[in-house]
C-alpha atoms as a PDB file:
ATOM      1  CA  UNK A   1     -16.366 -57.084 -71.861  1.00  0.00           C
ATOM      2  CA  UNK A   2     -16.038 -53.380 -72.079  1.00  0.00           C
ATOM      3  CA  UNK A   3     -16.476 -51.161 -68.973  1.00  0.00           C
ATOM      4  CA  UNK A   4     -19.096 -48.589 -69.445  1.00  0.00           C
ATOM      5  CA  UNK A   5     -18.233 -45.098 -68.231  1.00  0.00           C
ATOM      6  CA  UNK A   6     -20.978 -42.991 -66.796  1.00  0.00           C
ATOM      7  CA  UNK A   7     -20.906 -39.245 -66.974  1.00  0.00           C
ATOM      8  CA  UNK A   8     -22.949 -37.069 -64.646  1.00  0.00           C
ATOM      9  CA  UNK A   9     -24.991 -34.353 -66.071  1.00  0.00           C
ATOM     10  CA  UNK A  10     -24.100 -30.832 -64.943  1.00  0.00           C
ATOM     11  CA  UNK A  11     -27.146 -30.796 -62.654  1.00  0.00           C
ATOM     12  CA  UNK A  12     -26.152 -34.124 -61.049  1.00  0.00           C
ATOM     13  CA  UNK A  13     -22.536 -32.945 -60.539  1.00  0.00           C
ATOM     14  CA  UNK A  14     -23.747 -29.795 -58.781  1.00  0.00           C
ATOM     15  CA  UNK A  15     -26.028 -31.852 -56.496  1.00  0.00           C
ATOM     16  CA  UNK A  16     -23.124 -34.206 -55.602  1.00  0.00           C
ATOM     17  CA  UNK A  17     -20.810 -31.253 -54.835  1.00  0.00           C
ATOM     18  CA  UNK A  18     -23.393 -29.669 -52.539  1.00  0.00           C
ATOM     19  CA  UNK A  19     -23.933 -33.004 -50.749  1.00  0.00           C
ATOM     20  CA  UNK A  20     -20.198 -33.413 -50.042  1.00  0.00           C
ATOM     21  CA  UNK A  21     -19.932 -29.778 -48.907  1.00  0.00           C
ATOM     22  CA  UNK A  22     -22.811 -30.239 -46.453  1.00  0.00           C
ATOM     23  CA  UNK A  23     -21.262 -33.455 -45.094  1.00  0.00           C
ATOM     24  CA  UNK A  24     -17.896 -31.743 -44.469  1.00  0.00           C
ATOM     25  CA  UNK A  25     -19.567 -28.766 -42.844  1.00  0.00           C
ATOM     26  CA  UNK A  26     -21.507 -31.049 -40.517  1.00  0.00           C
ATOM     27  CA  UNK A  27     -18.327 -32.880 -39.534  1.00  0.00           C
ATOM     28  CA  UNK A  28     -16.503 -29.618 -38.839  1.00  0.00           C
ATOM     29  CA  UNK A  29     -19.396 -28.348 -36.717  1.00  0.00           C
ATOM     30  CA  UNK A  30     -19.376 -31.539 -34.645  1.00  0.00           C
ATOM     31  CA  UNK A  31     -15.606 -31.304 -34.106  1.00  0.00           C
ATOM     32  CA  UNK A  32     -15.850 -27.622 -33.091  1.00  0.00           C
ATOM     33  CA  UNK A  33     -18.591 -28.381 -30.590  1.00  0.00           C
ATOM     34  CA  UNK A  34     -16.559 -31.201 -29.035  1.00  0.00           C
ATOM     35  CA  UNK A  35     -13.531 -28.929 -28.694  1.00  0.00           C
ATOM     36  CA  UNK A  36     -15.668 -26.188 -27.160  1.00  0.00           C
ATOM     37  CA  UNK A  37     -17.180 -28.641 -24.673  1.00  0.00           C
ATOM     38  CA  UNK A  38     -13.711 -29.843 -23.730  1.00  0.00           C
ATOM     39  CA  UNK A  39     -11.848 -26.539 -23.359  1.00  0.00           C
ATOM     40  CA  UNK A  40     -14.371 -23.738 -22.810  1.00  0.00           C
ATOM     41  CA  UNK A  41     -14.743 -22.867 -19.080  1.00  0.00           C
ATOM     42  CA  UNK A  42     -18.179 -23.463 -17.624  1.00  0.00           C
ATOM     43  CA  UNK A  43     -19.924 -21.826 -14.751  1.00  0.00           C
ATOM     44  CA  UNK A  44     -19.797 -23.761 -11.505  1.00  0.00           C
ATOM     45  CA  UNK A  45     -23.561 -24.011 -11.432  1.00  0.00           C
ATOM     46  CA  UNK A  46     -23.573 -25.621 -14.894  1.00  0.00           C
ATOM     47  CA  UNK A  47     -20.954 -28.190 -13.938  1.00  0.00           C
ATOM     48  CA  UNK A  48     -22.750 -29.164 -10.762  1.00  0.00           C
ATOM     49  CA  UNK A  49     -26.180 -28.833 -12.361  1.00  0.00           C
ATOM     50  CA  UNK A  50     -27.339 -26.508  -9.624  1.00  0.00           C
ATOM     51  CA  UNK A  51     -29.719 -23.624 -10.044  1.00  0.00           C
ATOM     52  CA  UNK A  52     -27.951 -21.507  -7.417  1.00  0.00           C
ATOM     53  CA  UNK A  53     -24.287 -21.647  -6.478  1.00  0.00           C
ATOM     54  CA  UNK A  54     -25.205 -20.331  -3.031  1.00  0.00           C
ATOM     55  CA  UNK A  55     -26.548 -23.793  -2.257  1.00  0.00           C
ATOM     56  CA  UNK A  56     -22.971 -25.095  -2.030  1.00  0.00           C
ATOM     57  CA  UNK A  57     -22.009 -25.387   1.641  1.00  0.00           C
ATOM     58  CA  UNK A  58     -18.461 -24.069   1.317  1.00  0.00           C
ATOM     59  CA  UNK A  59     -16.683 -23.354   4.616  1.00  0.00           C
ATOM     60  CA  UNK A  60     -15.946 -19.814   5.756  1.00  0.00           C
ATOM     61  CA  UNK A  61     -12.254 -19.247   5.063  1.00  0.00           C
ATOM     62  CA  UNK A  62      -9.586 -16.684   5.886  1.00  0.00           C
ATOM     63  CA  UNK A  63     -10.558 -13.308   4.426  1.00  0.00           C
ATOM     64  CA  UNK A  64      -7.607 -11.287   3.078  1.00  0.00           C
ATOM     65  CA  UNK A  65      -9.643  -8.435   1.640  1.00  0.00           C
ATOM     66  CA  UNK A  66      -8.586  -4.954   2.715  1.00  0.00           C
ATOM     67  CA  UNK A  67      -9.193  -1.318   1.865  1.00  0.00           C
ATOM     68  CA  UNK A  68      -7.735   2.031   2.932  1.00  0.00           C
ATOM     69  CA  UNK A  69      -9.193   3.902   5.886  1.00  0.00           C
ATOM     70  CA  UNK A  70     -11.007   7.048   4.779  1.00  0.00           C
ATOM     71  CA  UNK A  71     -10.392  10.073   6.980  1.00  0.00           C
ATOM     72  CA  UNK A  72     -11.601  13.654   6.919  1.00  0.00           C
ATOM     73  CA  UNK A  73      -9.541  16.748   7.685  1.00  0.00           C
ATOM     74  CA  UNK A  74      -9.113  20.317   6.552  1.00  0.00           C
ATOM     75  CA  UNK A  75      -5.382  20.545   7.200  1.00  0.00           C
ATOM     76  CA  UNK A  76      -3.216  17.494   7.529  1.00  0.00           C
ATOM     77  CA  UNK A  77       0.390  16.970   8.579  1.00  0.00           C
ATOM     78  CA  UNK A  78       2.491  13.882   7.926  1.00  0.00           C
ATOM     79  CA  UNK A  79       5.672  12.808   9.698  1.00  0.00           C
ATOM     80  CA  UNK A  80       7.417   9.496   9.201  1.00  0.00           C
ATOM     81  CA  UNK A  81      10.511   7.449   9.873  1.00  0.00           C
ATOM     82  CA  UNK A  82      11.375   8.755  13.330  1.00  0.00           C
ATOM     83  CA  UNK A  83      12.869   5.348  14.159  1.00  0.00           C
ATOM     84  CA  UNK A  84      12.734   5.942  17.902  1.00  0.00           C
ATOM     85  CA  UNK A  85      15.181   5.790  19.689  1.00  0.00           C
ATOM     86  CA  UNK A  86      17.444   7.096  16.910  1.00  0.00           C
ATOM     87  CA  UNK A  87      15.045   9.952  16.217  1.00  0.00           C
ATOM     88  CA  UNK A  88      16.594  13.336  15.432  1.00  0.00           C
ATOM     89  CA  UNK A  89      14.910  15.408  18.124  1.00  0.00           C
ATOM     90  CA  UNK A  90      15.989  18.729  16.586  1.00  0.00           C
ATOM     91  CA  UNK A  91      14.489  17.898  13.181  1.00  0.00           C
ATOM     92  CA  UNK A  92      11.369  16.440  14.781  1.00  0.00           C
ATOM     93  CA  UNK A  93      10.913  19.531  16.906  1.00  0.00           C
ATOM     94  CA  UNK A  94      11.274  21.771  13.841  1.00  0.00           C
ATOM     95  CA  UNK A  95       8.621  19.755  11.986  1.00  0.00           C
ATOM     96  CA  UNK A  96       6.144  19.864  14.871  1.00  0.00           C
ATOM     97  CA  UNK A  97       6.649  23.597  15.395  1.00  0.00           C
ATOM     98  CA  UNK A  98       5.917  24.344  11.761  1.00  0.00           C
ATOM     99  CA  UNK A  99       2.865  22.074  11.706  1.00  0.00           C
ATOM    100  CA  UNK A 100       1.526  23.792  14.814  1.00  0.00           C
ATOM    101  CA  UNK A 101       1.703  27.177  13.068  1.00  0.00           C
ATOM    102  CA  UNK A 102      -0.203  25.670  10.142  1.00  0.00           C
ATOM    103  CA  UNK A 103      -3.115  24.734  12.441  1.00  0.00           C
ATOM    104  CA  UNK A 104      -3.393  21.100  11.386  1.00  0.00           C
ATOM    105  CA  UNK A 105      -6.370  19.142  12.658  1.00  0.00           C
ATOM    106  CA  UNK A 106      -4.957  15.694  11.759  1.00  0.00           C
ATOM    107  CA  UNK A 107      -1.422  14.345  12.174  1.00  0.00           C
ATOM    108  CA  UNK A 108      -0.431  11.122  10.439  1.00  0.00           C
ATOM    109  CA  UNK A 109       2.527   9.253  11.911  1.00  0.00           C
ATOM    110  CA  UNK A 110       3.256   7.503   8.667  1.00  0.00           C
ATOM    111  CA  UNK A 111       5.197   4.442   9.682  1.00  0.00           C
ATOM    112  CA  UNK A 112       8.498   3.422  11.255  1.00  0.00           C
ATOM    113  CA  UNK A 113       7.867   5.454  14.376  1.00  0.00           C
ATOM    114  CA  UNK A 114       9.586   2.557  16.141  1.00  0.00           C
ATOM    115  CA  UNK A 115      12.978   1.279  15.027  1.00  0.00           C
ATOM    116  CA  UNK A 116      12.660  -2.196  16.593  1.00  0.00           C
ATOM    117  CA  UNK A 117      16.256  -3.114  15.853  1.00  0.00           C
ATOM    118  CA  UNK A 118      16.137  -5.607  18.739  1.00  0.00           C
ATOM    119  CA  UNK A 119      13.410  -7.544  16.921  1.00  0.00           C
ATOM    120  CA  UNK A 120      14.857  -7.501  13.418  1.00  0.00           C
ATOM    121  CA  UNK A 121      16.022 -10.553  11.542  1.00  0.00           C
ATOM    122  CA  UNK A 122      18.820  -8.397  10.136  1.00  0.00           C
ATOM    123  CA  UNK A 123      22.194  -8.088  11.806  1.00  0.00           C
ATOM    124  CA  UNK A 124      22.316  -6.065  15.025  1.00  0.00           C
ATOM    125  CA  UNK A 125      24.492  -3.011  15.502  1.00  0.00           C
ATOM    126  CA  UNK A 126      26.385  -2.007  18.657  1.00  0.00           C
ATOM    127  CA  UNK A 127      23.399  -0.608  20.594  1.00  0.00           C
ATOM    128  CA  UNK A 128      23.250  -1.961  24.112  1.00  0.00           C
ATOM    129  CA  UNK A 129      19.932  -0.643  25.491  1.00  0.00           C
ATOM    130  CA  UNK A 130      17.117  -3.049  26.274  1.00  0.00           C
ATOM    131  CA  UNK A 131      13.960  -3.212  24.192  1.00  0.00           C
ATOM    132  CA  UNK A 132      11.850  -1.947  27.078  1.00  0.00           C
ATOM    133  CA  UNK A 133      13.931   1.246  27.014  1.00  0.00           C
ATOM    134  CA  UNK A 134      13.063   1.749  23.338  1.00  0.00           C
ATOM    135  CA  UNK A 135       9.368   1.370  24.169  1.00  0.00           C
ATOM    136  CA  UNK A 136       9.750   3.775  27.094  1.00  0.00           C
ATOM    137  CA  UNK A 137      11.308   6.432  24.835  1.00  0.00           C
ATOM    138  CA  UNK A 138       8.576   5.869  22.234  1.00  0.00           C
ATOM    139  CA  UNK A 139       5.803   6.401  24.785  1.00  0.00           C
ATOM    140  CA  UNK A 140       7.507   9.566  26.041  1.00  0.00           C
ATOM    141  CA  UNK A 141       7.738  10.841  22.464  1.00  0.00           C
ATOM    142  CA  UNK A 142       4.016  10.261  21.903  1.00  0.00           C
ATOM    143  CA  UNK A 143       3.291  12.082  25.168  1.00  0.00           C
ATOM    144  CA  UNK A 144       5.336  15.059  23.982  1.00  0.00           C
ATOM    145  CA  UNK A 145       3.586  15.170  20.587  1.00  0.00           C
ATOM    146  CA  UNK A 146       0.109  15.002  22.128  1.00  0.00           C
ATOM    147  CA  UNK A 147       0.940  17.725  24.664  1.00  0.00           C
ATOM    148  CA  UNK A 148       2.380  19.993  21.974  1.00  0.00           C
ATOM    149  CA  UNK A 149      -0.525  19.481  19.564  1.00  0.00           C
ATOM    150  CA  UNK A 150      -3.620  19.345  21.803  1.00  0.00           C
ATOM    151  CA  UNK A 151      -6.855  18.585  19.998  1.00  0.00           C
ATOM    152  CA  UNK A 152      -5.107  17.217  16.913  1.00  0.00           C
ATOM    153  CA  UNK A 153      -6.355  13.771  15.848  1.00  0.00           C
ATOM    154  CA  UNK A 154      -3.473  11.326  15.356  1.00  0.00           C
ATOM    155  CA  UNK A 155      -3.412   8.400  12.951  1.00  0.00           C
ATOM    156  CA  UNK A 156      -0.591   5.853  12.921  1.00  0.00           C
ATOM    157  CA  UNK A 157       0.117   3.936   9.702  1.00  0.00           C
ATOM    158  CA  UNK A 158       2.270   0.846  10.208  1.00  0.00           C
ATOM    159  CA  UNK A 159       5.647   0.799   8.483  1.00  0.00           C
ATOM    160  CA  UNK A 160       7.875  -2.174   7.816  1.00  0.00           C
ATOM    161  CA  UNK A 161       9.773  -1.641  11.084  1.00  0.00           C
ATOM    162  CA  UNK A 162       6.471  -1.538  12.975  1.00  0.00           C
ATOM    163  CA  UNK A 163       5.452  -4.804  11.326  1.00  0.00           C
ATOM    164  CA  UNK A 164       8.484  -6.477  12.891  1.00  0.00           C
ATOM    165  CA  UNK A 165       6.584  -6.483  16.203  1.00  0.00           C
ATOM    166  CA  UNK A 166       3.755  -8.709  14.955  1.00  0.00           C
ATOM    167  CA  UNK A 167       6.192 -10.893  13.000  1.00  0.00           C
ATOM    168  CA  UNK A 168       8.345 -11.387  16.096  1.00  0.00           C
ATOM    169  CA  UNK A 169       5.242 -12.228  18.129  1.00  0.00           C
ATOM    170  CA  UNK A 170       4.079 -14.855  15.625  1.00  0.00           C
ATOM    171  CA  UNK A 171       7.513 -16.416  15.287  1.00  0.00           C
ATOM    172  CA  UNK A 172       8.087 -16.630  19.044  1.00  0.00           C
ATOM    173  CA  UNK A 173       4.696 -17.705  20.354  1.00  0.00           C
ATOM    174  CA  UNK A 174       3.553 -14.270  21.577  1.00  0.00           C
ATOM    175  CA  UNK A 175       0.699 -13.878  19.107  1.00  0.00           C
ATOM    176  CA  UNK A 176      -1.991 -14.867  21.616  1.00  0.00           C
ATOM    177  CA  UNK A 177      -1.124 -12.431  24.403  1.00  0.00           C
ATOM    178  CA  UNK A 178      -4.409 -10.508  23.998  1.00  0.00           C
ATOM    179  CA  UNK A 179      -2.873  -7.620  22.094  1.00  0.00           C
ATOM    180  CA  UNK A 180      -0.121  -6.913  24.634  1.00  0.00           C
ATOM    181  CA  UNK A 181       2.872  -7.528  22.357  1.00  0.00           C
ATOM    182  CA  UNK A 182       1.607  -5.394  19.500  1.00  0.00           C
ATOM    183  CA  UNK A 183       2.332  -1.828  18.491  1.00  0.00           C
ATOM    184  CA  UNK A 184      -1.040  -0.607  19.846  1.00  0.00           C
ATOM    185  CA  UNK A 185      -0.433  -2.537  23.060  1.00  0.00           C
ATOM    186  CA  UNK A 186       3.161  -1.459  23.611  1.00  0.00           C
ATOM    187  CA  UNK A 187       2.367   2.203  22.882  1.00  0.00           C
ATOM    188  CA  UNK A 188      -1.070   2.347  24.550  1.00  0.00           C
ATOM    189  CA  UNK A 189      -2.564   3.728  21.353  1.00  0.00           C
ATOM    190  CA  UNK A 190      -6.195   3.052  22.240  1.00  0.00           C
ATOM    191  CA  UNK A 191      -6.021   4.952  25.523  1.00  0.00           C
ATOM    192  CA  UNK A 192      -4.270   7.801  23.690  1.00  0.00           C
ATOM    193  CA  UNK A 193      -7.045   7.962  21.084  1.00  0.00           C
ATOM    194  CA  UNK A 194      -4.611   7.146  18.264  1.00  0.00           C
ATOM    195  CA  UNK A 195      -6.003   5.036  15.412  1.00  0.00           C
ATOM    196  CA  UNK A 196      -3.635   2.338  14.148  1.00  0.00           C
ATOM    197  CA  UNK A 197      -3.772   1.222  10.508  1.00  0.00           C
ATOM    198  CA  UNK A 198      -1.848  -1.947   9.751  1.00  0.00           C
ATOM    199  CA  UNK A 199      -3.649  -3.683   6.878  1.00  0.00           C
ATOM    200  CA  UNK A 200      -1.129  -2.483   4.290  1.00  0.00           C
ATOM    201  CA  UNK A 201      -3.617  -0.183   2.540  1.00  0.00           C
ATOM    202  CA  UNK A 202      -2.908   3.065   4.388  1.00  0.00           C
ATOM    203  CA  UNK A 203      -5.236   6.061   4.475  1.00  0.00           C
ATOM    204  CA  UNK A 204      -7.386   7.832   1.902  1.00  0.00           C
ATOM    205  CA  UNK A 205      -7.745  11.573   2.448  1.00  0.00           C
ATOM    206  CA  UNK A 206      -9.676  13.160  -0.359  1.00  0.00           C
ATOM    207  CA  UNK A 207      -7.768  12.435  -3.564  1.00  0.00           C
ATOM    208  CA  UNK A 208      -4.551  11.577  -1.712  1.00  0.00           C
ATOM    209  CA  UNK A 209      -3.498   8.097  -0.629  1.00  0.00           C
ATOM    210  CA  UNK A 210      -1.105   7.971   2.325  1.00  0.00           C
ATOM    211  CA  UNK A 211       1.036   4.856   2.718  1.00  0.00           C
ATOM    212  CA  UNK A 212       4.316   4.207   4.474  1.00  0.00           C
ATOM    213  CA  UNK A 213       6.001   3.320   1.180  1.00  0.00           C
ATOM    214  CA  UNK A 214       7.143  -0.289   1.509  1.00  0.00           C
ATOM    215  CA  UNK A 215       3.738  -1.458   0.260  1.00  0.00           C
ATOM    216  CA  UNK A 216       4.624  -0.473  -3.325  1.00  0.00           C
ATOM    217  CA  UNK A 217       7.849  -2.152  -4.415  1.00  0.00           C
ATOM    218  CA  UNK A 218       9.184   0.720  -6.464  1.00  0.00           C
ATOM    219  CA  UNK A 219      12.423   2.471  -5.544  1.00  0.00           C
ATOM    220  CA  UNK A 220      15.405   3.866  -7.380  1.00  0.00           C
ATOM    221  CA  UNK A 221      16.858   7.326  -7.774  1.00  0.00           C
ATOM    222  CA  UNK A 222      13.526   8.767  -8.958  1.00  0.00           C
ATOM    223  CA  UNK A 223      11.394   6.981  -6.411  1.00  0.00           C
ATOM    224  CA  UNK A 224       8.508   9.475  -6.505  1.00  0.00           C
ATOM    225  CA  UNK A 225       8.129   9.102 -10.274  1.00  0.00           C
ATOM    226  CA  UNK A 226       8.452   5.323 -10.046  1.00  0.00           C
ATOM    227  CA  UNK A 227       5.766   4.974  -7.405  1.00  0.00           C
ATOM    228  CA  UNK A 228       3.422   7.347  -9.215  1.00  0.00           C
ATOM    229  CA  UNK A 229       3.747   5.322 -12.418  1.00  0.00           C
ATOM    230  CA  UNK A 230       2.508   2.320 -10.441  1.00  0.00           C
ATOM    231  CA  UNK A 231      -0.114   3.985  -8.248  1.00  0.00           C
ATOM    232  CA  UNK A 232      -1.608   6.122 -11.047  1.00  0.00           C
ATOM    233  CA  UNK A 233      -3.036   8.482  -8.418  1.00  0.00           C
ATOM    234  CA  UNK A 234      -1.709  11.004  -5.949  1.00  0.00           C
ATOM    235  CA  UNK A 235       0.220   9.426  -3.069  1.00  0.00           C
ATOM    236  CA  UNK A 236       2.330  10.535  -0.118  1.00  0.00           C
ATOM    237  CA  UNK A 237       4.842   8.148   1.411  1.00  0.00           C
ATOM    238  CA  UNK A 238       8.016   7.838   3.448  1.00  0.00           C
ATOM    239  CA  UNK A 239      10.186   4.747   3.916  1.00  0.00           C
ATOM    240  CA  UNK A 240      12.980   5.799   1.543  1.00  0.00           C
ATOM    241  CA  UNK A 241      14.255   8.636   3.775  1.00  0.00           C
ATOM    242  CA  UNK A 242      14.419  11.068   0.862  1.00  0.00           C
ATOM    243  CA  UNK A 243      12.389  14.087  -0.158  1.00  0.00           C
ATOM    244  CA  UNK A 244      11.074  14.224  -3.716  1.00  0.00           C
ATOM    245  CA  UNK A 245       7.991  15.529  -5.493  1.00  0.00           C
ATOM    246  CA  UNK A 246       6.858  14.382  -8.904  1.00  0.00           C
ATOM    247  CA  UNK A 247       3.801  15.563 -10.819  1.00  0.00           C
ATOM    248  CA  UNK A 248       2.311  14.504 -14.122  1.00  0.00           C
ATOM    249  CA  UNK A 249      -1.002  14.769 -15.924  1.00  0.00           C
ATOM    250  CA  UNK A 250      -3.018  12.551 -18.232  1.00  0.00           C
ATOM    251  CA  UNK A 251      -4.609  13.364 -21.585  1.00  0.00           C
ATOM    252  CA  UNK A 252      -7.572  14.970 -19.825  1.00  0.00           C
ATOM    253  CA  UNK A 253      -5.124  17.303 -18.043  1.00  0.00           C
ATOM    254  CA  UNK A 254      -5.869  15.657 -14.701  1.00  0.00           C
ATOM    255  CA  UNK A 255      -2.825  16.123 -12.464  1.00  0.00           C
ATOM    256  CA  UNK A 256      -1.505  13.507 -10.039  1.00  0.00           C
ATOM    257  CA  UNK A 257       1.486  13.847  -7.755  1.00  0.00           C
ATOM    258  CA  UNK A 258       3.756  11.660  -5.664  1.00  0.00           C
ATOM    259  CA  UNK A 259       5.378  13.025  -2.521  1.00  0.00           C
ATOM    260  CA  UNK A 260       8.348  11.183  -1.048  1.00  0.00           C
ATOM    261  CA  UNK A 261       8.571  12.612   2.472  1.00  0.00           C
ATOM    262  CA  UNK A 262      11.914  12.947   4.234  1.00  0.00           C
ATOM    263  CA  UNK A 263      12.707  11.111   7.452  1.00  0.00           C
ATOM    264  CA  UNK A 264      12.998  12.443  11.018  1.00  0.00           C
ATOM    265  CA  UNK A 265      15.643  10.003  12.192  1.00  0.00           C
ATOM    266  CA  UNK A 266      19.362  10.620  12.283  1.00  0.00           C
ATOM    267  CA  UNK A 267      21.144  10.838   8.946  1.00  0.00           C
ATOM    268  CA  UNK A 268      24.274   8.834   9.782  1.00  0.00           C
ATOM    269  CA  UNK A 269      23.137   5.448  11.129  1.00  0.00           C
ATOM    270  CA  UNK A 270      25.850   3.010  12.107  1.00  0.00           C
ATOM    271  CA  UNK A 271      24.837   0.537   9.411  1.00  0.00           C
ATOM    272  CA  UNK A 272      24.764   3.148   6.613  1.00  0.00           C
ATOM    273  CA  UNK A 273      27.016   6.135   7.313  1.00  0.00           C
ATOM    274  CA  UNK A 274      27.132   7.423   3.741  1.00  0.00           C
ATOM    275  CA  UNK A 275      23.653   7.788   2.296  1.00  0.00           C
ATOM    276  CA  UNK A 276      21.339  10.196   0.482  1.00  0.00           C
ATOM    277  CA  UNK A 277      18.884  10.775   3.340  1.00  0.00           C
ATOM    278  CA  UNK A 278      16.795  13.942   3.512  1.00  0.00           C
ATOM    279  CA  UNK A 279      14.834  15.049   6.537  1.00  0.00           C
ATOM    280  CA  UNK A 280      11.402  16.537   6.139  1.00  0.00           C
ATOM    281  CA  UNK A 281       7.645  16.455   6.662  1.00  0.00           C
ATOM    282  CA  UNK A 282       4.445  17.138   4.721  1.00  0.00           C
ATOM    283  CA  UNK A 283       1.498  19.499   4.952  1.00  0.00           C
ATOM    284  CA  UNK A 284      -1.661  19.822   2.851  1.00  0.00           C
ATOM    285  CA  UNK A 285      -4.915  21.722   2.965  1.00  0.00           C
ATOM    286  CA  UNK A 286      -7.949  20.219   1.259  1.00  0.00           C
ATOM    287  CA  UNK A 287     -11.387  21.239   0.047  1.00  0.00           C
ATOM    288  CA  UNK A 288     -14.766  19.531   0.016  1.00  0.00           C
ATOM    289  CA  UNK A 289     -14.116  17.971  -3.407  1.00  0.00           C
ATOM    290  CA  UNK A 290     -11.003  16.144  -2.245  1.00  0.00           C
ATOM    291  CA  UNK A 291      -8.585  18.500  -3.977  1.00  0.00           C
ATOM    292  CA  UNK A 292      -5.617  19.754  -1.979  1.00  0.00           C
ATOM    293  CA  UNK A 293      -2.639  22.074  -1.971  1.00  0.00           C
ATOM    294  CA  UNK A 294       0.496  20.470  -0.590  1.00  0.00           C
ATOM    295  CA  UNK A 295       3.963  21.414   0.564  1.00  0.00           C
ATOM    296  CA  UNK A 296       6.654  18.788   0.930  1.00  0.00           C
ATOM    297  CA  UNK A 297       9.007  20.430   3.423  1.00  0.00           C
ATOM    298  CA  UNK A 298      12.751  19.903   3.703  1.00  0.00           C
ATOM    299  CA  UNK A 299      14.715  20.198   6.941  1.00  0.00           C
ATOM    300  CA  UNK A 300      18.412  21.050   6.934  1.00  0.00           C
ATOM    301  CA  UNK A 301      20.334  21.544  10.169  1.00  0.00           C
ATOM    302  CA  UNK A 302      17.095  22.085  12.067  1.00  0.00           C
ATOM    303  CA  UNK A 303      15.783  24.742   9.649  1.00  0.00           C
ATOM    304  CA  UNK A 304      12.630  24.275   7.550  1.00  0.00           C
ATOM    305  CA  UNK A 305      12.609  24.927   3.795  1.00  0.00           C
ATOM    306  CA  UNK A 306       9.942  24.623   1.140  1.00  0.00           C
END
């Protein structure tokens, strides 16, 4: 018996090809939808089939949000890294005298006003004074600053050495002493009218951000340039004990600057005799649009230089 072979007409072959194409397309569409359902993120309300996510009774948790404190001033002075009680009183006096002649209305103590070596987790040096003596000297220094600059509003930005107080309190069970063992408590900042800023965000003054410096983990030989490349806006900071200024502009010719402000502590600490420390301070005058003109001063042997 001979097998009969059937040939499709051209019209029938075209219809069969279209049928197979449509079947494959349908299969591919189903597979794509299954993959999308499996891997594509969905809104929480869709998953829980709720009309409003606010209906979920989630507990109130620890809030870590923070923002800089906005301040207003016409003329602002910044000093940092006094590290009382190893403050260089000659350099500090030179800075305060110059700032007084510049008629500042706001002074920012920009971190590490206290040294707190007795509280550090690092190795101790040969100092033998008690911690209460350090706090006594610090309070006397604040008294002297306030008396020399009457009417000047003072802001205090916490530095890494200042943060050692709260860390020591937490680690040793002092955290619940109603604010006594804190920088504001030890230095009577509230009664002095000094605002303390310790949320790690610093101060915003016009178009300038003021931070201690340890908040942005950028250092190196060209620390001002390195921090500006990260911040992408004008900043003034201490912490590194060197004086540098770096400016750059974007394609719209908008200029930003970074000011690394010199320290006011001694330049030959026992733990680091040979170093690249500079002493200095900062002054700026601003306008109503947030623009400012700044001078990052250098101090050498008690004399002030621009």
